[in-house]
Protein backbone atom coordinates (compact mmCIF):
# COMPACT_ATOMS: atom_id res chain seq x y z
CA MET A 1 31.30 49.63 29.89
CA LEU A 2 34.62 47.74 29.93
CA GLU A 3 33.94 46.33 33.41
CA LEU A 4 30.41 45.21 32.52
CA ALA A 5 31.49 43.57 29.27
CA GLY A 6 34.44 41.98 31.07
CA ILE A 7 32.17 40.43 33.70
CA ILE A 8 29.92 38.84 31.06
CA ILE A 9 32.88 37.57 29.01
CA LEU A 10 34.72 36.21 32.05
CA GLY A 11 31.51 34.65 33.36
CA ILE A 12 30.77 32.73 30.17
CA LEU A 13 34.47 31.76 29.92
CA ALA A 14 34.25 30.36 33.47
CA GLN A 15 31.15 28.36 32.50
CA TRP A 16 33.03 26.91 29.51
CA VAL A 17 36.05 26.03 31.66
CA ALA A 18 33.71 24.30 34.13
CA TRP A 19 32.11 22.28 31.32
CA ARG A 20 35.46 21.44 29.71
CA PHE A 21 37.11 20.18 32.92
CA LYS A 22 33.92 18.78 34.50
CA ILE A 23 34.03 20.95 37.61
CA PRO A 24 31.27 23.01 39.24
CA ALA A 25 30.95 26.43 37.54
CA ILE A 26 30.84 28.20 40.89
CA LEU A 27 34.52 27.36 41.45
CA PRO A 28 36.04 29.31 38.52
CA LEU A 29 33.40 32.05 38.91
CA ILE A 30 34.27 32.82 42.53
CA ILE A 31 38.02 32.48 41.91
CA ILE A 32 37.80 34.96 39.01
CA GLY A 33 35.74 37.31 41.19
CA LEU A 34 38.31 37.19 43.98
CA LEU A 35 41.20 37.71 41.55
CA VAL A 36 39.67 40.81 39.96
CA GLY A 37 38.28 42.00 43.29
CA PRO A 38 39.96 41.87 46.71
CA ILE A 39 43.10 40.01 45.57
CA ALA A 40 43.65 42.58 42.81
CA THR A 41 44.42 45.17 45.52
CA ILE A 42 47.62 43.20 46.20
CA TYR A 43 49.05 43.12 42.69
CA THR A 44 47.74 46.32 41.02
CA GLU A 45 49.95 49.42 41.08
CA ASP A 46 47.35 51.66 42.71
CA HIS A 47 46.13 48.82 45.01
CA THR A 48 42.57 48.97 43.74
CA LYS A 49 40.19 46.35 42.41
CA LEU A 50 40.02 45.68 38.68
CA ILE A 51 36.24 45.47 38.97
CA HIS A 52 34.35 47.74 41.36
CA PRO A 53 30.82 46.40 41.85
CA ILE A 54 29.82 49.48 43.91
CA TRP A 55 30.46 53.04 42.74
CA ASN A 56 33.14 54.56 44.97
CA GLY A 57 33.17 58.12 43.62
CA ASP A 58 35.69 57.52 40.84
CA ASN A 59 34.48 54.34 39.19
CA GLY A 60 32.21 51.37 39.70
CA LEU A 61 29.13 49.70 38.26
CA PHE A 62 26.27 50.19 40.73
CA PRO A 63 25.65 53.41 42.66
CA GLY A 64 24.41 53.25 46.25
CA GLU A 65 22.37 50.15 47.00
CA SER A 66 21.70 49.37 43.33
CA LEU A 67 24.00 46.33 43.45
CA PHE A 68 21.88 44.74 46.15
CA TYR A 69 18.71 45.48 44.18
CA PHE A 70 20.24 43.66 41.20
CA VAL A 71 21.39 40.78 43.43
CA SER A 72 17.92 40.52 44.99
CA LEU A 73 16.21 40.34 41.60
CA ALA A 74 18.75 37.84 40.24
CA ILE A 75 18.46 35.62 43.31
CA SER A 76 14.66 35.76 43.03
CA ILE A 77 14.84 34.36 39.48
CA ILE A 78 17.35 31.66 40.49
CA LEU A 79 15.19 30.62 43.45
CA PHE A 80 12.05 30.55 41.31
CA GLU A 81 13.82 28.27 38.83
CA GLY A 82 14.92 26.05 41.72
CA GLY A 83 11.35 25.91 43.03
CA LEU A 84 10.09 24.79 39.61
CA THR A 85 12.25 21.67 39.83
CA LEU A 86 10.76 20.52 43.14
CA LYS A 87 8.07 17.96 42.37
CA ARG A 88 5.81 16.65 45.12
CA ALA A 89 5.65 13.23 43.44
CA GLU A 90 9.45 13.01 43.37
CA ILE A 91 9.64 13.66 47.11
CA LEU A 92 6.99 11.01 47.78
CA ASN A 93 8.67 8.47 45.48
CA THR A 94 12.19 8.92 46.79
CA GLY A 95 13.63 6.32 49.07
CA PRO A 96 13.77 6.72 52.84
CA VAL A 97 17.45 7.75 52.75
CA ILE A 98 16.79 10.76 50.51
CA GLY A 99 13.72 11.70 52.53
CA LYS A 100 15.78 11.70 55.73
CA LEU A 101 18.67 13.58 54.10
CA ILE A 102 16.31 16.47 53.34
CA SER A 103 14.77 16.36 56.81
CA VAL A 104 16.84 14.66 59.54
CA ALA A 105 20.22 15.65 58.07
CA VAL A 106 18.99 19.23 57.53
CA ILE A 107 18.11 19.56 61.21
CA ILE A 108 21.45 18.04 62.27
CA THR A 109 23.35 20.47 60.01
CA PHE A 110 21.27 23.44 61.16
CA ILE A 111 21.83 22.74 64.85
CA GLY A 112 25.38 21.36 64.62
CA ALA A 113 26.86 24.06 62.39
CA GLY A 114 25.06 26.76 64.37
CA VAL A 115 26.52 25.53 67.65
CA ALA A 116 30.00 25.23 66.11
CA ALA A 117 29.91 28.77 64.65
CA HIS A 118 28.62 30.20 67.93
CA TYR A 119 31.34 28.73 70.11
CA ILE A 120 34.27 28.88 67.67
CA PHE A 121 33.77 32.46 66.42
CA ASP A 122 31.79 33.72 69.42
CA LEU A 123 28.97 34.86 67.15
CA SER A 124 25.44 35.53 68.37
CA TRP A 125 22.99 32.65 68.15
CA GLU A 126 21.01 34.50 65.45
CA ILE A 127 24.02 34.94 63.15
CA SER A 128 25.30 31.42 63.89
CA LEU A 129 21.97 29.85 62.99
CA LEU A 130 21.71 31.93 59.81
CA PHE A 131 25.16 30.63 58.81
CA SER A 132 24.08 27.06 59.48
CA ALA A 133 20.83 27.55 57.54
CA LEU A 134 22.78 28.84 54.54
CA ILE A 135 25.17 25.86 54.36
CA ILE A 136 22.35 23.29 54.35
CA VAL A 137 22.07 23.55 50.58
CA THR A 138 24.18 21.35 48.28
CA GLY A 139 22.57 21.71 44.85
CA PRO A 140 22.68 19.78 41.54
CA THR A 141 24.94 22.33 39.83
CA VAL A 142 27.83 21.37 42.10
CA ILE A 143 27.08 17.68 42.64
CA SER A 144 26.67 16.65 38.98
CA PRO A 145 30.04 17.85 37.60
CA ILE A 146 31.88 16.15 40.46
CA LEU A 147 30.15 12.79 40.01
CA ARG A 148 29.94 12.82 36.21
CA ASN A 149 33.28 11.05 35.65
CA ILE A 150 33.10 8.67 38.63
CA PRO A 151 31.53 5.26 37.85
CA LEU A 152 29.38 4.43 40.88
CA LYS A 153 26.51 2.13 41.74
CA LYS A 154 23.25 3.76 40.70
CA ASP A 155 21.98 3.76 44.31
CA ILE A 156 24.81 6.06 45.43
CA SER A 157 24.59 8.40 42.43
CA SER A 158 20.82 8.56 42.78
CA ILE A 159 20.96 9.49 46.47
CA LEU A 160 23.47 12.30 45.90
CA LYS A 161 21.67 13.57 42.78
CA TRP A 162 18.21 13.73 44.36
CA GLU A 163 19.50 15.15 47.61
CA GLY A 164 20.98 18.04 45.62
CA ILE A 165 17.82 18.59 43.55
CA LEU A 166 15.34 18.43 46.43
CA ILE A 167 17.36 20.22 49.09
CA ASP A 168 18.03 23.24 46.84
CA PRO A 169 14.58 24.90 47.16
CA ILE A 170 13.95 23.45 50.62
CA GLY A 171 17.25 24.83 51.93
CA ALA A 172 16.58 28.18 50.26
CA LEU A 173 13.17 28.38 51.93
CA PHE A 174 14.74 27.46 55.27
CA ALA A 175 17.44 30.14 54.94
CA VAL A 176 14.91 32.78 53.88
CA LEU A 177 12.72 32.06 56.91
CA VAL A 178 15.68 32.26 59.32
CA PHE A 179 16.80 35.55 57.75
CA GLU A 180 13.30 37.00 57.95
CA PHE A 181 13.12 36.01 61.61
CA ILE A 182 16.45 37.70 62.35
CA SER A 183 15.68 40.86 60.36
CA THR A 184 12.39 41.41 62.21
CA GLY A 185 14.25 41.61 65.53
CA SER A 186 15.58 44.98 66.63
CA GLY A 187 19.25 44.42 67.37
CA GLY A 188 18.53 40.75 67.87
CA LYS A 189 15.76 41.32 70.47
CA PHE A 190 12.64 39.45 69.51
CA THR A 191 9.63 41.26 70.89
CA ILE A 192 5.96 40.61 70.24
CA VAL A 193 6.11 43.27 67.53
CA ALA A 194 9.06 41.48 65.90
CA LEU A 195 7.19 38.17 65.94
CA GLU A 196 4.16 39.89 64.40
CA GLU A 197 6.39 41.25 61.63
CA PHE A 198 7.80 37.77 61.02
CA GLY A 199 4.28 36.40 60.83
CA LYS A 200 3.37 39.10 58.32
CA ILE A 201 6.38 38.20 56.16
CA VAL A 202 5.43 34.51 56.16
CA LEU A 203 1.76 35.30 55.50
CA PHE A 204 2.39 37.65 52.57
CA GLY A 205 5.19 35.52 51.15
CA PHE A 206 3.06 32.37 51.04
CA ALA A 207 -0.11 34.23 50.01
CA PHE A 208 1.45 36.11 47.10
CA GLY A 209 3.50 33.11 45.94
CA PHE A 210 0.55 30.70 46.07
CA SER A 211 -2.07 33.00 44.53
CA PHE A 212 0.07 34.39 41.70
CA ALA A 213 1.33 30.90 40.84
CA HIS A 214 -2.24 29.72 40.31
CA ALA A 215 -3.18 32.91 38.47
CA LEU A 216 -0.26 32.54 36.04
CA ALA A 217 -0.95 28.83 35.60
CA PHE A 218 -4.59 29.62 34.80
CA ALA A 219 -3.53 32.20 32.20
CA ILE A 220 -1.14 29.70 30.59
CA LYS A 221 -3.71 26.89 30.49
CA LYS A 222 -6.39 29.15 29.00
CA LYS A 223 -3.85 30.40 26.44
CA PHE A 224 -4.33 34.04 27.45
CA ILE A 225 -0.59 34.38 26.84
CA PRO A 226 0.74 33.77 23.31
CA HIS A 227 3.39 31.09 23.10
CA TYR A 228 6.17 33.45 21.99
CA LEU A 229 5.57 35.67 25.05
CA LEU A 230 5.25 32.85 27.61
CA ASN A 231 8.83 32.97 28.91
CA VAL A 232 9.14 36.73 29.18
CA VAL A 233 5.68 37.12 30.75
CA THR A 234 6.66 34.54 33.37
CA LEU A 235 9.89 36.42 34.01
CA ALA A 236 7.96 39.67 34.43
CA ALA A 237 5.48 37.91 36.76
CA VAL A 238 8.30 36.58 38.97
CA LEU A 239 9.88 40.02 39.29
CA GLY A 240 6.47 41.58 39.86
CA VAL A 241 5.58 39.14 42.64
CA PHE A 242 8.97 39.70 44.28
CA VAL A 243 8.59 43.50 44.31
CA LEU A 244 4.88 43.49 45.19
CA SER A 245 5.29 41.09 48.11
CA ASP A 246 8.29 43.09 49.35
CA THR A 247 6.18 46.25 49.22
CA PHE A 248 3.46 44.82 51.46
CA ALA A 249 5.88 43.10 53.85
CA LYS A 250 9.54 44.05 53.64
CA GLU A 251 11.86 41.09 53.00
CA SER A 252 9.00 38.74 52.00
CA GLY A 253 9.79 38.80 48.28
CA LEU A 254 12.28 35.90 48.24
CA LEU A 255 9.86 33.71 50.16
CA ALA A 256 7.11 34.57 47.67
CA VAL A 257 9.11 33.56 44.58
CA VAL A 258 10.30 30.29 46.17
CA VAL A 259 6.68 29.39 46.98
CA MET A 260 5.55 30.52 43.52
CA GLY A 261 8.12 28.25 41.85
CA MET A 262 7.22 25.27 44.04
CA VAL A 263 3.48 25.66 43.35
CA MET A 264 3.90 26.11 39.57
CA GLY A 265 6.29 23.17 39.42
CA ASN A 266 3.54 20.92 40.79
CA ILE A 267 0.76 22.14 38.50
CA ASN A 268 0.26 20.19 35.28
CA LEU A 269 1.27 22.91 32.81
CA PRO A 270 1.58 22.14 29.08
CA ASN A 271 4.70 24.29 28.59
CA ILE A 272 6.53 23.68 31.86
CA LYS A 273 9.60 22.13 30.14
CA GLU A 274 10.02 25.14 27.85
CA LEU A 275 9.70 27.38 30.88
CA LEU A 276 12.37 25.40 32.70
CA TYR A 277 14.77 25.53 29.74
CA PHE A 278 14.36 29.31 29.51
CA LYS A 279 14.85 29.79 33.24
CA GLU A 280 17.91 27.52 33.21
CA SER A 281 19.49 29.54 30.38
CA LEU A 282 18.68 32.80 32.14
CA SER A 283 20.02 31.41 35.42
CA VAL A 284 23.33 30.49 33.75
CA LEU A 285 23.78 34.08 32.56
CA LEU A 286 22.72 35.58 35.90
CA ILE A 287 24.92 33.21 37.89
CA SER A 288 27.89 34.00 35.64
CA ILE A 289 27.48 37.72 36.29
CA LEU A 290 26.32 37.45 39.88
CA PHE A 291 29.14 35.44 41.40
CA ILE A 292 31.92 37.42 39.82
CA LEU A 293 30.23 40.56 41.17
CA LEU A 294 29.66 39.10 44.63
CA ALA A 295 33.20 37.73 44.96
CA ALA A 296 34.67 40.98 43.62
CA ASN A 297 32.63 42.95 46.15
CA ILE A 298 34.34 41.20 49.07
CA ASN A 299 37.09 43.30 50.64
CA MET A 300 40.42 42.12 51.96
CA GLU A 301 39.21 43.08 55.44
CA ASP A 302 36.45 40.46 55.06
CA LEU A 303 39.00 37.82 54.11
CA TYR A 304 41.25 38.75 57.02
CA LEU A 305 38.28 38.14 59.34
CA ILE A 306 38.43 34.44 58.56
CA TYR A 307 42.22 34.23 58.12
CA THR A 308 42.55 32.28 61.36
CA TRP A 309 42.83 28.75 62.71
CA LYS A 310 39.20 29.00 63.79
CA THR A 311 38.11 28.84 60.16
CA ALA A 312 39.95 25.57 59.61
CA VAL A 313 38.37 24.11 62.75
CA LEU A 314 34.86 25.15 61.66
CA PHE A 315 35.41 23.73 58.17
CA ALA A 316 36.70 20.44 59.58
CA ILE A 317 33.70 20.12 61.93
CA VAL A 318 31.22 20.80 59.11
CA VAL A 319 32.88 18.36 56.68
CA LEU A 320 34.24 15.63 58.94
CA LEU A 321 31.69 15.57 61.75
CA ILE A 322 28.36 17.17 60.93
CA ARG A 323 27.97 15.87 57.36
CA PRO A 324 28.81 12.23 58.28
CA LEU A 325 26.55 12.46 61.34
CA GLY A 326 23.66 13.59 59.14
CA VAL A 327 24.29 10.88 56.55
CA PHE A 328 24.67 8.03 59.04
CA ALA A 329 21.57 9.14 60.97
CA SER A 330 19.61 9.30 57.69
CA SER A 331 20.70 5.85 56.52
CA VAL A 332 19.97 3.71 59.58
CA ASN A 333 18.48 0.36 58.43
CA SER A 334 18.74 1.50 54.81
CA GLY A 335 20.77 -1.36 53.38
CA LEU A 336 23.65 0.96 52.49
CA LYS A 337 27.06 -0.46 53.36
CA ILE A 338 29.53 1.40 55.58
CA ASN A 339 31.78 2.27 52.63
CA GLU A 340 28.80 3.68 50.70
CA LYS A 341 27.77 5.81 53.68
CA LEU A 342 31.34 7.07 53.99
CA PHE A 343 31.43 8.14 50.34
CA ILE A 344 28.06 9.94 50.57
CA SER A 345 29.35 11.64 53.72
CA TRP A 346 32.48 12.82 51.90
CA VAL A 347 30.60 14.32 48.93
CA GLY A 348 28.67 17.32 50.20
CA PRO A 349 29.72 20.43 48.26
CA ARG A 350 27.76 23.61 48.96
CA GLY A 351 26.47 25.46 45.96
CA ILE A 352 25.20 28.51 44.20
CA VAL A 353 22.13 29.17 46.34
CA ALA A 354 24.21 29.16 49.53
CA ALA A 355 26.79 31.63 48.20
CA GLY A 356 24.27 33.92 46.52
CA ILE A 357 21.85 34.23 49.42
CA ALA A 358 24.72 34.55 51.92
CA SER A 359 26.10 37.59 50.12
CA LEU A 360 22.67 39.20 49.91
CA PHE A 361 21.67 38.48 53.51
CA GLY A 362 25.10 39.33 54.91
CA SER A 363 25.09 42.74 53.22
CA LYS A 364 21.56 43.52 54.37
CA LEU A 365 22.27 42.59 57.98
CA VAL A 366 25.52 44.59 57.97
CA SER A 367 23.58 47.63 56.74
CA GLN A 368 21.09 47.07 59.61
CA GLY A 369 23.96 47.13 62.09
CA ILE A 370 23.50 43.52 63.30
CA GLU A 371 26.59 42.53 65.24
CA GLY A 372 28.63 39.74 63.65
CA ALA A 373 26.82 39.98 60.28
CA GLU A 374 30.12 40.78 58.56
CA TYR A 375 31.14 37.13 59.10
CA ILE A 376 28.23 35.65 57.11
CA THR A 377 29.49 36.23 53.55
CA PRO A 378 33.17 35.25 54.00
CA LEU A 379 32.35 32.21 56.16
CA VAL A 380 29.78 30.84 53.71
CA PHE A 381 32.07 31.54 50.74
CA MET A 382 34.81 29.66 52.61
CA ILE A 383 32.53 26.63 53.07
CA VAL A 384 31.42 26.77 49.42
CA LEU A 385 34.92 27.09 47.96
CA GLY A 386 36.42 24.62 50.43
CA THR A 387 33.86 21.85 49.90
CA VAL A 388 33.82 22.26 46.11
CA LEU A 389 37.63 22.19 45.92
CA LEU A 390 37.86 19.25 48.30
CA ASN A 391 35.27 17.14 46.49
CA ALA A 392 36.35 18.09 42.97
CA THR A 393 39.94 17.01 43.67
CA THR A 394 39.42 13.99 45.94
CA ALA A 395 36.01 12.40 45.21
CA ARG A 396 37.35 9.99 42.57
CA ALA A 397 40.32 8.93 44.70
CA PHE A 398 38.12 8.61 47.81
CA ALA A 399 35.68 6.40 45.87
CA LYS A 400 38.58 4.04 45.10
CA ILE A 401 39.85 4.11 48.69
CA VAL A 402 36.50 3.15 50.25
CA GLY A 403 35.71 0.66 47.48
CA VAL A 404 32.65 2.16 45.78
CA PHE A 405 34.43 2.87 42.47
CA LEU A 406 33.12 0.53 39.76
CA LYS A 407 36.08 -1.05 37.95
CA LYS A 408 33.77 -2.10 35.14
CA SER A 409 30.43 -0.52 34.25
CA ASN A 410 28.03 -3.38 33.52
CA GLY A 411 24.80 -1.40 33.30
CA ILE A 412 22.92 -1.42 29.99
CA MET A 413 21.24 1.54 28.30
CA ILE A 414 18.60 0.71 25.72
CA ILE A 415 17.61 3.54 23.38
CA GLY A 416 13.94 3.00 22.56
CA ALA A 417 11.24 1.48 24.79
CA SER A 418 9.11 -0.40 22.26
CA LYS A 419 7.52 -3.76 23.12
CA PHE A 420 10.63 -5.57 21.91
CA SER A 421 12.91 -3.32 23.99
CA ARG A 422 10.76 -3.91 27.06
CA LEU A 423 10.96 -7.69 26.58
CA VAL A 424 14.76 -7.53 26.29
CA ALA A 425 15.06 -5.22 29.31
CA ASP A 426 12.79 -7.46 31.39
CA TYR A 427 14.90 -10.52 30.55
CA LEU A 428 18.15 -8.74 31.42
CA LYS A 429 16.72 -7.41 34.67
CA LYS A 430 15.58 -10.91 35.71
CA HIS A 431 19.19 -12.00 35.25
CA GLU A 432 20.52 -9.30 37.58
CA ARG A 433 21.66 -6.75 35.01
CA ALA A 434 21.05 -3.04 35.62
CA VAL A 435 19.03 -1.73 32.66
CA VAL A 436 17.59 1.68 31.79
CA LEU A 437 15.28 2.36 28.85
CA VAL A 438 15.41 5.77 27.17
CA ASP A 439 12.60 7.00 24.92
CA SER A 440 11.01 10.32 23.95
CA ASN A 441 7.62 8.58 23.78
CA ALA A 442 5.91 9.06 27.16
CA ASN A 443 3.52 6.14 26.56
CA ASN A 444 6.38 3.70 25.94
CA VAL A 445 8.11 4.89 29.11
CA ARG A 446 4.87 4.51 31.08
CA LEU A 447 4.41 0.92 29.85
CA ALA A 448 8.00 0.13 30.79
CA LYS A 449 7.55 1.50 34.30
CA GLU A 450 4.36 -0.52 34.71
CA LYS A 451 6.50 -3.63 34.12
CA GLY A 452 8.81 -2.47 36.92
CA LEU A 453 11.57 -1.38 34.53
CA ASP A 454 13.77 1.67 34.95
CA ALA A 455 12.83 4.08 32.15
CA VAL A 456 13.22 7.79 31.46
CA ILE A 457 11.74 10.23 28.98
CA ALA A 458 14.63 11.83 27.11
CA ASP A 459 15.59 13.07 23.67
CA VAL A 460 18.89 11.68 22.39
CA TYR A 461 19.57 15.03 20.72
CA SER A 462 19.55 16.90 24.06
CA ASP A 463 22.23 17.01 26.77
CA ALA A 464 19.98 15.38 29.39
CA LEU A 465 21.57 11.94 29.03
CA THR A 466 25.18 13.07 29.20
CA ASP A 467 24.48 15.24 32.25
CA ASP A 468 22.70 12.58 34.33
CA VAL A 469 25.02 11.14 36.99
CA GLU A 470 22.67 8.18 37.55
CA PHE A 471 23.96 6.71 34.27
CA ASN A 472 27.55 6.46 35.50
CA ASN A 473 27.20 2.70 35.88
CA ILE A 474 26.28 2.22 32.20
CA GLY A 475 28.84 0.34 30.09
CA PHE A 476 26.73 -1.13 27.27
CA LEU A 477 24.59 0.71 24.72
CA LEU A 478 21.85 -0.93 22.62
CA ALA A 479 20.09 1.34 20.10
CA LEU A 480 16.75 -0.36 19.34
CA THR A 481 14.51 2.38 17.92
CA GLY A 482 12.60 2.18 14.66
CA ASN A 483 14.53 5.15 13.28
CA SER A 484 17.86 4.14 11.75
CA GLN A 485 19.18 7.71 11.89
CA ILE A 486 18.51 7.91 15.63
CA ASN A 487 20.19 4.54 16.17
CA GLU A 488 23.29 5.59 14.24
CA TYR A 489 23.39 8.96 16.00
CA ALA A 490 23.07 7.33 19.45
CA VAL A 491 25.95 4.96 18.68
CA GLU A 492 28.15 7.78 17.40
CA ARG A 493 27.37 10.28 20.18
CA PHE A 494 27.05 8.06 23.25
CA GLY A 495 29.26 5.12 22.31
CA ASN A 496 32.31 6.35 24.20
CA GLN A 497 30.39 7.42 27.30
CA PHE A 498 27.80 4.65 27.71
CA GLY A 499 29.16 1.90 25.47
CA GLU A 500 32.73 1.48 26.60
CA ASN A 501 32.20 -2.28 26.92
CA GLY A 502 29.95 -2.68 23.88
CA THR A 503 27.93 -0.47 21.53
CA PHE A 504 25.32 -2.00 19.23
CA ARG A 505 22.36 -1.03 17.06
CA LEU A 506 19.72 -2.76 14.96
CA VAL A 507 20.47 -3.23 11.29
CA HIS A 508 18.14 -1.34 8.94
CA ALA A 509 16.41 -2.38 5.74
CA ASN A 510 19.15 -1.22 3.36
CA GLU A 511 21.76 -3.23 5.26
CA ILE A 512 19.58 -6.37 5.13
CA ASN A 513 19.32 -6.07 1.39
CA ASN A 514 23.11 -5.61 1.19
CA PRO A 515 24.62 -8.19 3.57
CA ASN A 516 28.14 -7.07 2.70
CA GLN A 517 27.33 -3.68 4.24
CA ASN A 518 26.28 -5.21 7.56
CA PRO A 519 27.83 -2.91 10.21
CA GLU A 520 30.30 -3.99 12.87
CA GLU A 521 27.98 -2.60 15.55
CA GLY A 522 25.02 -4.53 14.09
CA LEU A 523 22.86 -6.28 16.68
CA PHE A 524 21.07 -9.64 16.91
CA SER A 525 19.86 -10.76 13.48
CA PRO A 526 21.47 -9.75 10.15
CA THR A 527 18.17 -10.43 8.36
CA ASP A 528 15.67 -8.58 10.60
CA ASP A 529 15.14 -4.86 11.06
CA PHE A 530 12.99 -3.05 13.65
CA ILE A 531 9.71 -3.78 11.86
CA ASN A 532 10.33 -7.53 11.56
CA ILE A 533 11.58 -7.85 15.13
CA ASN A 534 8.61 -6.01 16.61
CA GLU A 535 6.22 -8.16 14.56
CA VAL A 536 7.77 -11.21 16.20
CA ALA A 537 7.51 -9.49 19.60
CA ARG A 538 3.85 -8.79 18.92
CA TYR A 539 2.82 -12.33 17.86
CA HIS A 540 5.42 -14.41 19.72
CA GLY A 541 6.25 -12.12 22.63
CA GLN A 542 8.32 -14.47 24.72
CA ILE A 543 12.07 -14.76 25.22
CA ARG A 544 13.20 -18.38 25.38
CA GLU A 545 16.41 -20.34 25.99
CA ILE A 546 17.82 -23.52 24.46
CA GLU A 547 20.96 -25.35 25.59
CA LEU A 548 23.83 -25.46 23.11
CA LYS A 549 25.71 -28.73 22.67
CA SER A 550 28.56 -27.52 20.48
CA GLN A 551 29.77 -24.83 18.11
CA GLU A 552 28.22 -26.74 15.20
CA HIS A 553 24.92 -26.96 17.05
CA PHE A 554 24.93 -23.19 17.56
CA ASN A 555 25.76 -22.51 13.92
CA ALA A 556 22.94 -24.80 12.81
CA LEU A 557 20.44 -22.99 15.02
CA LEU A 558 21.61 -19.63 13.64
CA GLU A 559 20.92 -20.86 10.12
CA ILE A 560 17.39 -21.75 11.19
CA THR A 561 16.84 -18.23 12.55
CA LYS A 562 17.92 -16.80 9.17
CA THR A 563 15.34 -18.87 7.29
CA ASP A 564 12.50 -18.52 9.80
CA SER A 565 11.59 -14.87 10.37
CA ASN A 566 9.68 -15.77 13.56
CA ILE A 567 12.88 -16.52 15.53
CA ILE A 568 15.31 -13.76 16.51
CA PRO A 569 18.63 -14.67 18.21
CA LEU A 570 19.51 -12.29 21.05
CA PHE A 571 22.16 -13.43 23.55
CA ILE A 572 24.48 -16.21 24.63
CA ARG A 573 24.15 -16.84 28.37
CA LYS A 574 26.41 -18.90 30.57
CA GLY A 575 25.71 -18.55 34.26
CA LYS A 576 25.53 -14.83 35.04
CA ALA A 577 27.46 -13.84 31.92
CA ILE A 578 25.29 -12.59 29.06
CA ASP A 579 26.89 -11.77 25.69
CA VAL A 580 25.14 -9.95 22.88
CA ILE A 581 24.93 -11.78 19.55
CA PRO A 582 26.19 -9.31 16.94
CA SER A 583 24.66 -9.41 13.46
CA LEU A 584 28.13 -10.40 12.17
CA ASN A 585 27.94 -13.55 14.30
CA GLN A 586 30.24 -15.95 12.48
CA ASP A 587 33.10 -15.44 14.97
CA LEU A 588 31.20 -16.32 18.16
CA GLU A 589 32.74 -19.13 20.21
CA ILE A 590 30.44 -21.33 22.25
CA ASP A 591 31.45 -22.91 25.58
CA GLU A 592 29.91 -26.04 27.02
CA GLY A 593 26.80 -25.26 29.06
CA SER A 594 25.95 -22.08 27.15
CA LEU A 595 22.38 -21.17 26.32
CA LEU A 596 21.03 -19.53 23.17
CA VAL A 597 18.59 -16.79 24.18
CA TYR A 598 16.08 -15.99 21.46
CA LEU A 599 12.74 -14.32 20.81
CA GLY A 600 9.86 -16.00 19.00
CA LYS A 601 8.54 -19.46 18.33
CA GLU A 602 9.76 -22.29 20.52
CA ILE A 603 12.50 -24.52 19.14
CA VAL A 604 12.06 -28.15 20.21
CA GLU A 605 14.68 -30.83 19.52
CA THR A 606 13.95 -34.52 19.46
CA THR A 607 16.22 -37.15 20.96
CA THR A 608 17.60 -37.79 17.48
CA GLY A 609 18.62 -34.14 17.14
CA GLU A 610 15.79 -33.21 14.76
CA VAL A 611 14.59 -29.62 15.19
CA LEU A 612 10.86 -29.00 15.54
CA LEU A 613 9.33 -25.52 15.41
CA GLU A 614 6.19 -24.29 17.12
CA GLU A 615 3.26 -23.99 14.73
CA ASN A 616 2.34 -20.43 13.64
């Protein structure tokens, strides 16, 4: 009981440490597992592990092969959750670099790492290629924490983010297929019978995964499953498919759940987001338990296997040769600069799927007596720990060295994607500013995307915004929703992260009626709230510019905007520089050649300086 409770407590503590210090959770999890497992035999009085995953006659958690049954079921849930995130549309819409990273670079890694492992450690080709298949996977859970505090161009962050998301289930499927192919051979000899067994595994894995995915989706759409049982029924279905497929064709269960997740992720299900949230929460708990168990189950003899110069050579080849080769081959004629390719090449940490499947497959192959299988788990763990440690400690410094580190984040995040927000975003984009619109209203986001604007569906009360590495280039925050509470909350919560160079929000009705209470972060007009501004956007939906002759000229125009509700001042532009006009605008200084950017009726000045306004 003490060991089991300790694993859960230590696992959640490791997750908190990872969140607090912005590092991948797998790093503290595996380190804790090693400290209470094999390394504990060095410092304990009786030279035994503090946690014994397998019952050894005196103590332990899992008797016989029960540990591997638990690992298999846990991995099946993690892989299913990974499959749910793989969207066909996302693959089709990704740029050519990402598409090649999950195809060309995968093949280069598979062949290159396999050849290196074969010749450096003198492993069989089967074991070498399984090792290379396992280290294909990077994964978003290790990429995101590393990049979260590094301001980068969105192109770079986007490539690394989507590579991690898309390669996770693809790499898992690849590794499962290689393992199935190896396990069907008798002592590594692939006969016709072995090939038939492999074919059976592939057939049953795809058949069960595809058919049960559609069956479950049908049940969800027809509301045969009550809402409060949806998550647990799906969990039961995943475990059922895993066991059932494995019964018909041994070792086909993992393939079935990966396929099941991929198929369900691409079916238009009404509750898919709730399902994903549940699976993510469950995966966090399983990962916390799983990796402490797996690391603790490693023996010192396994670590001594790789305690050699050969390990350093293999690691160097994977990191310094194979990864850059894959990245440079995938980015030919892409428009990426050399320094950007170098940074993407440097950041390639292996993740949770690689470590979890390696431990499971390594143990199974060892039990089958496959020669060299004992190297799989420690070698993959070495790559995982090594790449995560390397990238977590050097990625920020390396970004500065190669010149991809943004000294100032000039991107703009606009909370709310109403018509007015879309007009503002379109103007800023035309003047070479990176802009992203954030709204929980899917229709607003759709309209923004139709205008060619970057927009995402997100709730400001969730963690989705703070976790997205693609927003690392954001330095200005404009809260433009019709809800004053949301605007104030966005400024308070995201001001430090996304508004380091400027955080603003619309004034609301109460502040208009009480000019003395006009906030410091007030935006644009002190006399217009969301309703007034969007009325102007509706009837006079055009952003215009007028040249400013002097400070007095600017002040006079501002007075006009206060008396005419059909003109909303927005920005001061001079060349490429665009400054927001705060609602407390009396302190703005105007340089010669500046332009007043405004929304609404056209302001026309005569040669005598008289101001004429467009008729209503």
